[in-house]
Amino acid sequence: MTERRIFNKYAKKGEISREYIFSCSKMIDNDEAEPLLVLFACLTKRFKQNLGETTREKVIAIESVMLETPVSKMPPYADDIPEGSIFVQLSKEEFERLVNIAKEDPKTSYLYTYRLDETIT
């Protein structure tokens, strides 16, 4: 059994599922006098437990990084990030690898490359 199990309503009572998620958002805010680039990346653990008729869920942000800067001062790597938001389910091993990388160099959190078939929206 892997750590990438998806929780479902047929899980045994008391069973806990774990999800490891990478999310990243890129937005241009044109409401300011000068357009503002907003980047946000986060590595999150999500736990779900079947309690019978209800489900308990706990979400923990492990690492997150945010950048707000005028578009005129946008870092070169921002061009490689697609606009909008993505959510990618990771294996436990890949998640832990990214946490270590993000601690060393936070901007790499924005640049994580993922396979499209892993994206959950």
Protein backbone atom coordinates (compact mmCIF):
# COMPACT_ATOMS: atom_id res chain seq x y z
CA MET A 1 0.00 0.00 0.00
CA THR A 2 1.39 3.43 -0.92
CA GLU A 3 1.10 6.80 0.81
CA ARG A 4 -0.68 8.18 -2.28
CA ARG A 5 -4.04 6.60 -1.40
CA ILE A 6 -7.05 8.76 -2.11
CA PHE A 7 -9.59 8.85 0.71
CA ASN A 8 -13.03 7.64 -0.23
CA LYS A 9 -16.32 7.25 1.55
CA TYR A 10 -15.92 3.46 1.56
CA ALA A 11 -12.78 3.56 3.72
CA LYS A 12 -12.98 1.63 6.97
CA LYS A 13 -14.05 3.61 10.01
CA GLY A 14 -11.00 5.12 11.70
CA GLU A 15 -8.78 4.72 8.63
CA ILE A 16 -6.56 7.73 7.91
CA SER A 17 -5.50 8.63 4.39
CA ARG A 18 -2.59 10.94 3.61
CA GLU A 19 -2.08 13.22 0.64
CA TYR A 20 1.05 15.17 -0.19
CA ILE A 21 0.30 18.18 -2.36
CA PHE A 22 2.33 20.81 -4.20
CA SER A 23 0.42 23.94 -5.20
CA CYS A 24 1.58 26.98 -7.07
CA SER A 25 -0.21 30.16 -8.19
CA LYS A 26 0.81 33.01 -10.46
CA MET A 27 -1.32 36.09 -10.83
CA ILE A 28 -0.90 39.58 -12.26
CA ASP A 29 -2.83 42.15 -10.22
CA ASN A 30 -3.72 45.03 -12.53
CA ASP A 31 -5.65 46.94 -9.85
CA GLU A 32 -2.51 48.70 -8.66
CA ALA A 33 -0.96 51.81 -10.25
CA GLU A 34 1.74 49.49 -11.57
CA PRO A 35 0.79 45.86 -12.29
CA LEU A 36 1.89 43.54 -9.50
CA LEU A 37 3.14 39.98 -9.91
CA VAL A 38 2.03 37.60 -7.16
CA LEU A 39 3.62 34.15 -6.87
CA PHE A 40 2.72 31.62 -4.20
CA ALA A 41 3.92 28.04 -3.73
CA CYS A 42 3.09 25.63 -0.94
CA LEU A 43 3.83 22.08 0.10
CA THR A 44 0.90 20.70 2.08
CA LYS A 45 0.03 17.49 3.91
CA ARG A 46 -3.66 16.57 4.04
CA PHE A 47 -4.97 13.91 6.41
CA LYS A 48 -8.50 12.53 6.24
CA GLN A 49 -10.10 10.13 8.70
CA ASN A 50 -13.35 8.26 8.21
CA LEU A 51 -15.48 8.63 11.36
CA GLY A 52 -18.49 6.77 10.02
CA GLU A 53 -21.10 9.35 9.09
CA THR A 54 -18.57 12.18 9.00
CA THR A 55 -14.99 12.78 7.95
CA ARG A 56 -12.28 14.59 9.87
CA GLU A 57 -9.78 16.51 7.76
CA LYS A 58 -6.56 18.21 8.78
CA VAL A 59 -4.41 20.29 6.42
CA ILE A 60 -0.88 21.31 7.37
CA ALA A 61 1.22 23.72 5.28
CA ILE A 62 4.78 22.44 5.62
CA GLU A 63 6.63 24.97 3.46
CA SER A 64 5.26 28.01 1.67
CA VAL A 65 6.76 30.98 -0.09
CA MET A 66 5.20 34.13 -1.54
CA LEU A 67 6.54 36.88 -3.77
CA GLU A 68 4.85 40.18 -4.56
CA THR A 69 6.75 42.50 -6.87
CA PRO A 70 6.00 45.03 -9.61
CA VAL A 71 5.88 43.32 -13.01
CA SER A 72 8.69 45.63 -14.17
CA LYS A 73 10.95 43.99 -11.54
CA MET A 74 9.75 40.45 -12.18
CA PRO A 75 12.51 37.84 -11.73
CA PRO A 76 13.51 36.03 -14.95
CA TYR A 77 12.29 32.65 -13.68
CA ALA A 78 8.72 33.97 -13.39
CA ASP A 79 8.31 33.72 -17.19
CA ASP A 80 8.60 29.92 -16.89
CA ILE A 81 5.66 29.69 -14.47
CA PRO A 82 2.21 29.32 -16.04
CA GLU A 83 -0.48 31.78 -14.97
CA GLY A 84 -3.23 30.40 -12.77
CA SER A 85 -3.08 27.74 -10.09
CA ILE A 86 -1.97 24.13 -10.10
CA PHE A 87 -2.32 21.40 -7.50
CA VAL A 88 -0.17 18.27 -7.84
CA GLN A 89 -0.43 15.16 -5.71
CA LEU A 90 3.05 13.84 -4.88
CA SER A 91 4.48 10.66 -3.49
CA LYS A 92 5.75 10.90 0.09
CA GLU A 93 9.33 10.60 -1.16
CA GLU A 94 8.96 13.37 -3.77
CA PHE A 95 7.24 15.58 -1.20
CA GLU A 96 10.09 15.16 1.30
CA ARG A 97 12.63 15.86 -1.45
CA LEU A 98 10.86 19.11 -2.34
CA VAL A 99 10.65 20.18 1.31
CA ASN A 100 14.43 19.82 1.59
CA ILE A 101 15.01 21.71 -1.65
CA ALA A 102 12.62 24.51 -0.63
CA LYS A 103 14.47 24.98 2.67
CA GLU A 104 17.74 25.48 0.79
CA ASP A 105 16.38 27.79 -1.93
CA PRO A 106 12.74 28.92 -1.57
CA LYS A 107 12.40 30.20 -5.17
CA THR A 108 12.82 26.62 -6.43
CA SER A 109 9.35 25.98 -4.99
CA TYR A 110 7.89 27.99 -7.88
CA LEU A 111 9.88 26.08 -10.45
CA TYR A 112 8.95 22.51 -9.59
CA THR A 113 8.16 20.67 -12.79
CA TYR A 114 5.39 18.15 -12.67
CA ARG A 115 3.77 15.69 -15.03
CA LEU A 116 0.36 16.81 -16.24
CA ASP A 117 -1.17 13.42 -15.42
CA GLU A 118 -0.39 14.08 -11.73
CA THR A 119 -2.24 17.39 -11.62
CA ILE A 120 -5.39 17.50 -9.51
CA THR A 121 -7.67 20.46 -9.96
